[in-house]
Structures are given as structure tokens and as C-alpha cells.
Amino acid sequence: MSALVSSPATSLRGAAAHLADELRAGRVYRREDLARLSTAVDRHLRELVATGKLKKLAQGLYYAPKQSSFGPLPPTDEQVVGGFLRDKDFLVFSPSVYNAVGLGTTQLYNRTVVYNHKRHGVFKLGNRQFDFRVKPRFPKKLTPEFLYVDLLNNLDELAEDRDAVLRQARSKLPSFEPAQLQRAADRFGNLATRKRLREWSDG
């Protein structure tokens, strides 16, 4: 099996082989990154994809696969999104993670959300779809307080029993440290969420 995997690479010659030598396994590349290393980048990209040295993720976006004993490894979501955005300031998560906050949500979601400052819309990258949403602020990593606030922000989009989740969210409110939750609400909550939390706190 290993001979079958490696033998196509031997067909690379000259400039294409030199470009292949410059690739770092596990890295996502944009076409313009590789154009600086090639005088015929589109032809060389086709050759590298044909030999498996690169995998095409989207128009102008490629991945140099890392090899394991089980074959080539796919890139992580963070690698794909970082290459697509040419940025490190983003937050990737699945709405399924809301289930961890203990608000009675149970649905599993086959989509990945990307909060960022640059792109908005659903994009297919590789064999995955990413829902990019431009947000003015988001944390560097997920916290229970952020997930609580973000779930309330997006409750109407989720396949959940809205009233049941709201009842559970209100009963869960005292379990959060008030100052931390207030900071999350002030930074990340929309107008309706901030109003709802004020009413629950005063009620």
C-alpha cells in the first residue's frame, strides 16, 4: 500500500518537484503563497494535487497533508479557517457545544460556526461547510459564560424547545458568578439578551 501512495510523487520533475520540497506537511497554503515559489504556479498546483502532495480545499486554497500510519490526516478546522481568512483572530465552534452548559439543549448540529472580523456567509472548504459570521467581539476561547450568552443570542435559530430552554436558563442563572456573567453579557450579548438577563436578575 505504501508503494502505491508514494509512487505518484516520483513523477514530479524539475520546478514542480522543487516546489513539493518547499511544502511543509500539515500546513494550509493559498495560491499566492505558492506563486512566489513558482514560475508556472497553476500547472505546478495541478501536478501537486494529482500526485497527492497537495489537497485542494477550495478555489485558491490547498493543504499539504500530514501522513500517519492510517494515511493522510485532514487539516484541523483552525488550520483551514486560518488559511482561508489569512488571520488568526477567529473563534470556531459547533452549536452542539451549547449542550455542555446544562440548559436542556440536546440537538447535535452538523455545522461549524466561525465568528470573525472579515467574512460572512457559508463557504465549503474541503468536504466541510463553515458558517462565517462577522462579529465585533468574541472571546479567544469558549467559556461557560460566553456559551450561555451566545445561546440566548441565537435561540431562535436552534432546533430546541425555546420556552423549555428559557426556563432552564433562568433557573441556571444563580450558578454563574455574577460579575463574570455580566462581563460576558456586556461584551457579547445582543440587546434582547442583555434585557432578558436584567429582567431575570431583577425579578
Foldseek 3Di string as FASTA:
>chain_A
DVCVLQVLLVPDDDQLVVLLVVDDAQAKFFLVVSVVSDPCSVVSVVSCCVSLCWPAFDVRMIHRFDADPVGTDDHDPQRQVCNVVVDNPKEKDFLCCLVVLFLPDDDGDQEMEIEDQDDAAWDGTHNHIYGYDYDPDDDPYDDSLLSLQVCVQCVVVDPDDSVSSVVSSLVCVVVDDVVVNVVSCVGPHDPVSVVVVVVSVVD
